Amino acid sequence: MSETPVHAPRPAREAVKIYLPLALIAAAGFLVAWRYVEPAPPRTITISAGAVGGAYYSYAQQYKQILAESGIELEVLESAGAVENLVRLTDGEVDLGLVQGGLASLAPSDDLASLGSLYFEPLWIFARAGATPSYLSELEGRRVAIGPDGSGTQALARQILQASGVDESNAELLALDTEEAADRLLAGAVDAALFVAAPQSTLILELLESPQADLMTMRRYLSYRARYRFLSSVVLGEGMLDLERNIPAEDKRLLAAAATLVARGDLHPALTPVLLDAVARVHEDGDFFSEPGEFPSTRFVEFPMTAQAERYLEDGPSFLHRHLPFQWASRLDRLKILLVPLLTLLIPLGRIAPPIYQWRIRSKVYRWYAVLREIDLILEVDPRADVPAQIERLERLESEVNDINVPLSYMDEFYALRLHIHLVRQKLERAEKRGQNLS
């Protein structure tokens, strides 16, 4: 009888049957892991800056413009100064705050972290012309403006004055804002005034130009630095602010704290690179007291640095953040977290897939051998068995075998099966012929 044509093998269909369930298992594992990945970073964050017109507020506005390029809205809030910024951070009212060095002891919460120091903030100590003290201890018994309540100026002023033996018990310490303190100093209503301000401040330049005020130089700066590790010393060189008018007229040694960008502990880590990129663009060129590239820095910080900030400041932005927009870099960063569990799942699945595939293909061939062997044994056990029925059974088997899909790499087993079917067929035909001759 004619044989049924052999159908072309379709191995791709068999591969789909094996690999599709494994892919579904991997996808399910991916979705489970995705639930534990941090959500996308927020598009809006808040920062407590300082008074309008001050350095903190000005810098915060520059950060805001740069962050807008990455689709991040920075809401800038006015404040009385660094102390109020710290209180807002501790109370969870804001995400970020600009904080002056030396204030960490005022934070009752441990849930604050530093993203890096930004620039030096000099402490300017002005006195009435002709009455400039050589040491802070000489301010005893005098009227001293120490900055408004809630300001970093007042917090720092109280620390160094107390270390010098000056406090409310032996001096008149006045909580005045910067403008009022400067006006009273020039009018002779106060004997000295302390300010924490950038050298570019209009107020500082006016006081340096005024014949009614003198800038005190710190003679024991090493002693203050040893006592207060958050302090540095900087030199305002002769003519540094104005070469033509030679302002100041001589070198002045100043104490300086460092302004720091402080964040709440729950700030989304993906925001750190884009925040530090904005900070770097504003401060990386340096100023009167810092070299280009000195800030932002991991130095001069009092709060623990976040791991992301340390990595950024030491190694620079990651490959993704250097070459991709923030939103895409952030998404890919989050996806990287899934690679470990996903690979952990895919590696064993990939190893078991080929054996399963091999078993399915061979099982299609081998399962017919049981039927073929059964037909063969019937003839051996009972030569007078119903041979036509066995021939019909073998034909059905052969038809099914011709319809199975076998990849080319398994065709040797496929043709071996067909050869064995043919041998059993010949055996059945000989038995049928013998039976016909006997009848």
Protein backbone atom coordinates (compact mmCIF):
# COMPACT_ATOMS: atom_id res chain seq x y z
CA MET A 1 0.00 0.00 0.00
CA SER A 2 1.14 3.59 -0.61
CA GLU A 3 2.57 5.44 2.31
CA THR A 4 1.21 8.73 3.60
CA PRO A 5 3.52 11.61 2.60
CA VAL A 6 5.75 12.80 5.40
CA HIS A 7 4.79 16.31 6.56
CA ALA A 8 7.54 18.92 6.79
CA PRO A 9 8.79 19.13 10.35
CA ARG A 10 7.76 22.29 12.25
CA PRO A 11 10.35 22.62 15.08
CA ALA A 12 9.39 26.26 15.70
CA ARG A 13 5.98 25.14 16.94
CA GLU A 14 7.60 22.71 19.35
CA ALA A 15 9.98 25.42 20.59
CA VAL A 16 7.04 27.72 21.24
CA LYS A 17 5.30 25.02 23.27
CA ILE A 18 8.40 24.68 25.45
CA TYR A 19 9.68 28.22 25.74
CA LEU A 20 6.37 30.08 25.94
CA PRO A 21 5.43 28.62 29.36
CA LEU A 22 8.95 29.34 30.59
CA ALA A 23 8.70 32.91 29.31
CA LEU A 24 5.38 33.29 31.12
CA ILE A 25 6.98 32.06 34.34
CA ALA A 26 9.81 34.57 33.91
CA ALA A 27 7.31 37.37 33.21
CA ALA A 28 5.37 36.45 36.35
CA GLY A 29 8.60 36.57 38.35
CA PHE A 30 9.40 39.96 36.80
CA LEU A 31 6.02 41.34 37.84
CA VAL A 32 6.41 40.04 41.38
CA ALA A 33 9.87 41.64 41.66
CA TRP A 34 8.56 44.89 40.16
CA ARG A 35 6.24 45.29 43.14
CA TYR A 36 9.29 45.64 45.38
CA VAL A 37 11.08 48.20 43.22
CA GLU A 38 10.88 51.79 44.44
CA PRO A 39 8.22 53.90 42.71
CA ALA A 40 9.18 56.49 40.15
CA PRO A 41 10.70 59.68 41.60
CA PRO A 42 8.30 62.57 42.21
CA ARG A 43 8.14 65.38 39.71
CA THR A 44 7.79 68.08 42.41
CA ILE A 45 10.04 68.61 45.45
CA THR A 46 10.34 71.46 47.95
CA ILE A 47 13.36 73.27 49.34
CA SER A 48 13.50 75.64 52.29
CA ALA A 49 15.90 78.39 51.24
CA GLY A 50 16.20 81.75 52.98
CA ALA A 51 15.09 85.34 52.76
CA VAL A 52 14.39 86.81 49.33
CA GLY A 53 17.54 88.56 48.14
CA GLY A 54 19.82 86.35 50.24
CA ALA A 55 22.37 83.89 48.89
CA TYR A 56 20.35 80.80 49.84
CA TYR A 57 17.26 82.03 48.03
CA SER A 58 19.26 83.12 45.00
CA TYR A 59 21.03 79.77 44.70
CA ALA A 60 17.77 77.86 45.17
CA GLN A 61 16.25 79.79 42.26
CA GLN A 62 19.20 78.79 40.08
CA TYR A 63 18.74 75.13 41.07
CA LYS A 64 15.07 75.47 40.17
CA GLN A 65 15.82 76.65 36.63
CA ILE A 66 18.28 73.83 35.99
CA LEU A 67 16.02 71.11 37.43
CA ALA A 68 13.18 72.31 35.20
CA GLU A 69 15.27 71.16 32.21
CA SER A 70 14.89 67.59 33.54
CA GLY A 71 11.17 67.89 34.21
CA ILE A 72 11.60 68.36 37.97
CA GLU A 73 9.75 71.24 39.62
CA LEU A 74 11.57 72.67 42.64
CA GLU A 75 9.29 74.67 44.90
CA VAL A 76 11.39 77.29 46.71
CA LEU A 77 10.15 78.42 50.13
CA GLU A 78 11.30 81.55 51.92
CA SER A 79 12.60 81.20 55.46
CA ALA A 80 14.32 83.10 58.25
CA GLY A 81 17.50 81.17 57.55
CA ALA A 82 19.37 77.95 58.11
CA VAL A 83 17.87 77.18 61.54
CA GLU A 84 14.32 77.39 60.23
CA ASN A 85 15.34 75.28 57.23
CA LEU A 86 16.59 72.63 59.62
CA VAL A 87 13.36 72.73 61.65
CA ARG A 88 11.28 72.31 58.50
CA LEU A 89 13.37 69.33 57.44
CA THR A 90 13.04 67.71 60.85
CA ASP A 91 9.27 68.25 60.85
CA GLY A 92 8.93 66.77 57.36
CA GLU A 93 7.59 69.99 55.82
CA VAL A 94 10.15 70.07 53.00
CA ASP A 95 12.31 67.64 51.07
CA LEU A 96 15.47 69.73 50.97
CA GLY A 97 17.04 72.57 52.90
CA LEU A 98 20.11 74.75 52.71
CA VAL A 99 21.84 74.44 56.06
CA GLN A 100 24.85 76.26 57.44
CA GLY A 101 27.63 74.27 59.05
CA GLY A 102 27.54 74.02 62.82
CA LEU A 103 23.81 73.40 63.15
CA ALA A 104 23.68 69.60 63.22
CA SER A 105 23.36 69.58 67.01
CA LEU A 106 20.05 71.45 66.65
CA ALA A 107 18.46 68.60 64.66
CA PRO A 108 16.63 66.21 67.02
CA SER A 109 16.00 63.76 64.17
CA ASP A 110 18.50 61.27 62.75
CA ASP A 111 16.49 61.03 59.55
CA LEU A 112 18.49 63.67 57.71
CA ALA A 113 21.30 63.21 55.21
CA SER A 114 23.71 65.44 53.39
CA LEU A 115 23.98 65.63 49.62
CA GLY A 116 27.24 67.56 49.84
CA SER A 117 28.73 70.88 50.85
CA LEU A 118 28.23 73.74 48.39
CA TYR A 119 30.45 76.72 49.21
CA PHE A 120 32.14 78.56 52.08
CA GLU A 121 30.06 81.03 54.04
CA PRO A 122 32.41 83.52 55.73
CA LEU A 123 31.61 85.01 59.12
CA TRP A 124 32.04 88.76 58.81
CA ILE A 125 32.61 90.63 62.06
CA PHE A 126 32.36 94.39 61.63
CA ALA A 127 33.00 96.93 64.38
CA ARG A 128 32.72 100.70 64.63
CA ALA A 129 35.70 102.38 63.02
CA GLY A 130 38.41 103.07 65.53
CA ALA A 131 37.05 100.52 68.01
CA THR A 132 37.85 97.28 66.21
CA PRO A 133 38.74 94.55 68.72
CA SER A 134 41.74 92.30 68.25
CA TYR A 135 39.96 89.40 70.00
CA LEU A 136 36.30 88.51 70.37
CA SER A 137 36.66 88.55 74.13
CA GLU A 138 37.02 92.34 73.85
CA LEU A 139 33.32 92.54 72.91
CA GLU A 140 32.47 92.00 76.54
CA GLY A 141 30.28 94.85 77.78
CA ARG A 142 29.42 96.01 74.24
CA ARG A 143 26.30 96.01 72.07
CA VAL A 144 26.62 93.23 69.49
CA ALA A 145 24.17 92.40 66.67
CA ILE A 146 24.20 88.61 66.27
CA GLY A 147 21.60 88.06 63.53
CA PRO A 148 17.85 87.42 63.60
CA ASP A 149 16.24 84.57 65.48
CA GLY A 150 16.15 81.39 63.39
CA SER A 151 19.20 82.38 61.37
CA GLY A 152 22.43 80.48 60.99
CA THR A 153 24.28 83.70 61.73
CA GLN A 154 22.88 83.87 65.25
CA ALA A 155 23.54 80.16 65.91
CA LEU A 156 27.19 80.51 64.85
CA ALA A 157 27.64 83.86 66.58
CA ARG A 158 26.46 82.49 69.91
CA GLN A 159 28.87 79.55 69.68
CA ILE A 160 32.04 81.51 69.00
CA LEU A 161 31.14 84.38 71.32
CA GLN A 162 30.43 81.98 74.17
CA ALA A 163 33.74 80.21 73.51
CA SER A 164 35.37 83.65 73.83
CA GLY A 165 33.61 84.39 77.13
CA VAL A 166 30.93 86.69 75.74
CA ASP A 167 27.23 86.05 76.44
CA GLU A 168 24.06 87.78 77.65
CA SER A 169 25.46 88.06 81.15
CA ASN A 170 28.25 90.42 80.15
CA ALA A 171 27.20 91.87 76.80
CA GLU A 172 24.08 93.12 75.03
CA LEU A 173 23.40 90.59 72.26
CA LEU A 174 20.83 91.94 69.82
CA ALA A 175 18.76 89.72 67.46
CA LEU A 176 18.61 92.10 64.50
CA ASP A 177 18.12 91.31 60.83
CA THR A 178 20.98 92.10 58.49
CA GLU A 179 19.74 95.45 57.19
CA GLU A 180 18.90 96.82 60.63
CA ALA A 181 22.17 95.56 62.08
CA ALA A 182 24.16 97.28 59.32
CA ASP A 183 22.21 100.54 59.71
CA ARG A 184 22.71 100.61 63.48
CA LEU A 185 26.41 99.82 63.12
CA LEU A 186 26.93 102.71 60.69
CA ALA A 187 24.88 104.97 62.94
CA GLY A 188 26.96 104.01 65.98
CA ALA A 189 23.97 102.41 67.76
CA VAL A 190 25.79 99.06 68.06
CA ASP A 191 29.45 98.39 68.62
CA ALA A 192 29.79 95.27 66.44
CA ALA A 193 27.72 93.18 64.08
CA LEU A 194 28.18 89.61 62.85
CA PHE A 195 27.01 88.45 59.45
CA VAL A 196 27.19 85.18 57.54
CA ALA A 197 27.01 86.19 53.90
CA ALA A 198 28.59 85.75 50.52
CA PRO A 199 31.38 88.22 49.64
CA GLN A 200 29.33 89.42 46.67
CA SER A 201 26.61 90.62 49.04
CA THR A 202 25.75 94.27 48.47
CA LEU A 203 25.54 94.81 52.23
CA ILE A 204 29.04 93.43 52.82
CA LEU A 205 30.49 95.61 50.08
CA GLU A 206 28.78 98.71 51.52
CA LEU A 207 30.21 98.01 54.96
CA LEU A 208 33.70 97.46 53.54
CA GLU A 209 33.46 100.78 51.66
CA SER A 210 32.14 102.71 54.66
CA PRO A 211 34.59 104.72 56.80
CA GLN A 212 32.30 104.10 59.81
CA ALA A 213 32.97 100.33 59.89
CA ASP A 214 36.04 98.12 60.06
CA LEU A 215 36.27 94.39 59.29
CA MET A 216 37.85 92.39 62.08
CA THR A 217 40.45 89.78 61.15
CA MET A 218 40.45 86.54 63.15
CA ARG A 219 43.81 86.18 64.89
CA ARG A 220 43.13 82.89 66.67
CA TYR A 221 41.44 81.10 63.79
CA LEU A 222 43.38 77.87 64.39
CA SER A 223 41.99 77.69 67.91
CA TYR A 224 38.42 78.14 66.68
CA ARG A 225 38.92 75.54 63.95
CA ALA A 226 40.27 73.05 66.52
CA ARG A 227 37.24 73.61 68.76
CA TYR A 228 34.64 73.65 65.98
CA ARG A 229 35.52 71.15 63.27
CA PHE A 230 32.84 72.45 60.94
CA LEU A 231 34.73 75.74 60.61
CA SER A 232 37.40 76.56 58.05
CA SER A 233 39.50 79.64 57.62
CA VAL A 234 39.64 81.71 54.45
CA VAL A 235 41.55 84.79 53.41
CA LEU A 236 39.95 87.80 51.80
CA GLY A 237 42.90 89.19 49.93
CA GLU A 238 43.77 92.85 49.53
CA GLY A 239 41.79 94.33 46.66
CA MET A 240 39.90 91.07 46.08
CA LEU A 241 36.46 92.70 46.01
CA ASP A 242 37.51 95.83 44.12
CA LEU A 243 41.01 96.19 42.68
CA GLU A 244 40.51 99.75 41.50
CA ARG A 245 39.47 101.03 44.95
CA ASN A 246 41.58 98.39 46.76
CA ILE A 247 38.76 96.85 48.80
CA PRO A 248 39.69 95.57 51.29
CA ALA A 249 42.80 97.61 51.93
CA GLU A 250 44.64 94.66 53.49
CA ASP A 251 44.36 90.87 53.78
CA LYS A 252 41.67 89.71 56.19
CA ARG A 253 41.53 86.28 57.81
CA LEU A 254 37.95 85.07 58.28
CA LEU A 255 36.28 82.03 59.76
CA ALA A 256 33.87 80.24 57.44
CA ALA A 257 31.28 77.52 57.70
CA ALA A 258 30.16 75.53 54.68
CA ALA A 259 26.66 75.68 53.26
CA THR A 260 25.27 72.18 52.82
CA LEU A 261 22.38 70.73 50.88
CA VAL A 262 20.51 68.55 53.38
CA ALA A 263 17.73 66.12 52.49
CA ARG A 264 15.23 64.07 54.37
CA GLY A 265 16.08 60.39 54.61
CA ASP A 266 13.05 59.43 52.50
CA LEU A 267 14.10 61.54 49.52
CA HIS A 268 13.87 59.34 46.44
CA PRO A 269 17.45 58.19 45.65
CA ALA A 270 16.91 58.66 41.91
CA LEU A 271 16.71 62.42 42.52
CA THR A 272 20.24 62.61 43.90
CA PRO A 273 22.08 62.63 40.53
CA VAL A 274 19.88 65.29 39.00
CA LEU A 275 20.06 67.44 42.15
CA LEU A 276 23.85 67.21 42.33
CA ASP A 277 24.10 67.95 38.63
CA ALA A 278 22.21 71.20 39.23
CA VAL A 279 24.34 72.01 42.28
CA ALA A 280 27.56 71.32 40.38
CA ARG A 281 26.55 73.56 37.50
CA VAL A 282 25.97 76.42 39.95
CA HIS A 283 29.02 76.00 42.21
CA GLU A 284 31.68 74.10 40.28
CA ASP A 285 33.42 77.27 38.99
CA GLY A 286 34.39 78.28 42.52
CA ASP A 287 34.39 81.77 44.04
CA PHE A 288 36.62 84.04 46.09
CA PHE A 289 37.31 81.30 48.62
CA SER A 290 37.23 78.06 46.64
CA GLU A 291 38.96 76.69 43.59
CA PRO A 292 37.05 75.47 40.52
CA GLY A 293 35.84 71.92 41.11
CA GLU A 294 36.28 72.12 44.91
CA PHE A 295 32.50 72.14 45.41
CA PRO A 296 30.17 70.33 45.70
CA SER A 297 32.14 68.15 48.07
CA THR A 298 31.89 65.37 50.62
CA ARG A 299 34.03 67.50 52.97
CA PHE A 300 32.77 69.94 55.57
CA VAL A 301 29.49 68.04 56.08
CA GLU A 302 28.00 67.23 59.48
CA PHE A 303 25.15 64.96 58.46
CA PRO A 304 25.86 61.49 57.03
CA MET A 305 26.24 61.45 53.27
CA THR A 306 23.85 59.32 51.26
CA ALA A 307 25.46 56.47 49.34
CA GLN A 308 24.19 57.92 46.05
CA ALA A 309 25.66 61.36 46.81
CA GLU A 310 29.05 59.94 47.81
CA ARG A 311 29.18 57.85 44.65
CA TYR A 312 28.25 60.82 42.47
CA LEU A 313 30.74 63.22 44.07
CA GLU A 314 33.58 60.69 43.96
CA ASP A 315 32.97 59.10 40.56
CA GLY A 316 30.74 61.58 38.74
CA PRO A 317 27.41 60.78 37.10
CA SER A 318 26.74 57.22 36.01
CA PHE A 319 26.90 56.15 32.37
CA LEU A 320 23.11 56.35 32.07
CA HIS A 321 22.90 59.85 33.56
CA ARG A 322 25.72 61.07 31.34
CA HIS A 323 24.11 59.94 28.11
CA LEU A 324 20.36 59.88 28.71
CA PRO A 325 17.75 62.36 29.89
CA PHE A 326 16.93 62.12 33.58
CA GLN A 327 13.56 60.40 33.15
CA TRP A 328 14.98 57.63 30.94
CA ALA A 329 18.06 57.19 33.11
CA SER A 330 15.84 56.93 36.17
CA ARG A 331 13.65 54.24 34.58
CA LEU A 332 16.63 52.17 33.49
CA ASP A 333 18.21 52.52 36.93
CA ARG A 334 15.08 51.06 38.46
CA LEU A 335 15.01 48.24 35.93
CA LYS A 336 18.61 47.32 36.78
CA ILE A 337 17.42 46.32 40.23
CA LEU A 338 15.34 43.60 38.61
CA LEU A 339 18.25 42.02 36.75
CA VAL A 340 19.50 39.94 39.68
CA PRO A 341 16.19 38.23 40.50
CA LEU A 342 15.38 37.95 36.81
CA LEU A 343 18.69 36.28 35.98
CA THR A 344 18.31 34.06 39.03
CA LEU A 345 15.06 32.85 37.54
CA LEU A 346 16.09 32.71 33.86
CA ILE A 347 19.33 30.75 34.30
CA PRO A 348 17.71 27.59 35.74
CA LEU A 349 14.79 27.93 33.34
CA GLY A 350 17.22 28.19 30.44
CA ARG A 351 19.02 25.06 31.61
CA ILE A 352 15.92 22.91 31.88
CA ALA A 353 14.39 24.08 28.60
CA PRO A 354 16.67 22.06 26.23
CA PRO A 355 16.17 18.74 28.11
CA ILE A 356 12.42 19.30 28.14
CA TYR A 357 12.47 20.11 24.45
CA GLN A 358 14.52 16.99 23.74
CA TRP A 359 12.23 14.84 25.85
CA ARG A 360 9.09 16.09 24.04
CA ILE A 361 10.59 15.45 20.61
CA ARG A 362 11.87 11.98 21.45
CA SER A 363 8.70 11.04 23.27
CA LYS A 364 6.82 11.49 19.99
CA VAL A 365 9.11 8.90 18.42
CA TYR A 366 9.53 6.50 21.31
CA ARG A 367 5.92 6.20 22.36
CA TRP A 368 5.16 4.36 19.10
CA TYR A 369 7.84 1.80 19.82
CA ALA A 370 5.67 0.40 22.60
CA VAL A 371 2.84 -0.18 20.14
CA LEU A 372 5.24 -1.56 17.55
CA ARG A 373 6.79 -3.93 20.07
CA GLU A 374 3.36 -5.12 21.19
CA ILE A 375 2.38 -6.02 17.59
CA ASP A 376 5.68 -7.82 17.12
CA LEU A 377 5.26 -9.84 20.35
CA ILE A 378 1.75 -10.93 19.39
CA LEU A 379 3.15 -12.75 16.38
CA GLU A 380 5.86 -14.41 18.43
CA VAL A 381 3.47 -15.59 21.14
CA ASP A 382 0.62 -16.62 18.87
CA PRO A 383 1.53 -17.24 15.22
CA ARG A 384 -2.20 -17.81 14.43
CA ALA A 385 -3.22 -14.40 15.75
CA ASP A 386 -5.56 -12.18 13.76
CA VAL A 387 -2.91 -10.93 11.36
CA PRO A 388 -5.21 -8.67 9.24
CA ALA A 389 -6.25 -6.85 12.41
CA GLN A 390 -2.62 -6.29 13.35
CA ILE A 391 -1.84 -5.08 9.82
CA GLU A 392 -4.69 -2.57 10.09
CA ARG A 393 -3.39 -1.50 13.48
CA LEU A 394 0.11 -1.04 12.04
CA GLU A 395 -1.26 1.07 9.17
CA ARG A 396 -2.94 3.42 11.65
CA LEU A 397 0.33 3.65 13.54
CA GLU A 398 2.25 4.40 10.35
CA SER A 399 -0.23 7.09 9.38
CA GLU A 400 0.16 8.80 12.76
CA VAL A 401 3.95 8.54 12.61
CA ASN A 402 3.99 10.24 9.22
CA ASP A 403 2.02 13.12 10.71
CA ILE A 404 4.33 13.89 13.63
CA ASN A 405 6.57 16.99 13.52
CA VAL A 406 10.24 16.23 14.08
CA PRO A 407 13.12 18.75 13.78
CA LEU A 408 15.86 17.90 11.34
CA SER A 409 18.30 17.12 14.16
CA TYR A 410 16.06 14.18 15.19
CA MET A 411 15.36 12.80 11.70
CA ASP A 412 17.68 9.81 12.27
CA GLU A 413 15.37 8.56 15.03
CA PHE A 414 12.31 9.34 12.89
CA TYR A 415 13.57 7.28 9.93
CA ALA A 416 14.75 4.49 12.23
CA LEU A 417 11.17 4.23 13.52
CA ARG A 418 9.79 4.10 9.98
CA LEU A 419 12.33 1.40 9.10
CA HIS A 420 11.24 -0.69 12.07
CA ILE A 421 7.59 -0.25 11.10
CA HIS A 422 8.47 -1.52 7.64
CA LEU A 423 10.24 -4.57 9.08
CA VAL A 424 7.26 -5.44 11.25
CA ARG A 425 4.96 -4.93 8.26
CA GLN A 426 7.00 -7.45 6.24
CA LYS A 427 6.80 -9.88 9.11
CA LEU A 428 3.01 -9.49 9.27
CA GLU A 429 2.68 -9.90 5.51
CA ARG A 430 4.71 -13.10 5.61
CA ALA A 431 2.53 -14.42 8.44
CA GLU A 432 -0.59 -13.51 6.51
CA LYS A 433 0.69 -15.33 3.41
CA ARG A 434 1.51 -18.44 5.47
CA GLY A 435 -2.00 -18.38 6.86
CA GLN A 436 -3.51 -18.16 3.41
CA ASN A 437 -1.39 -21.10 2.18
CA LEU A 438 -2.47 -23.24 5.13
CA SER A 439 -6.10 -22.60 4.39
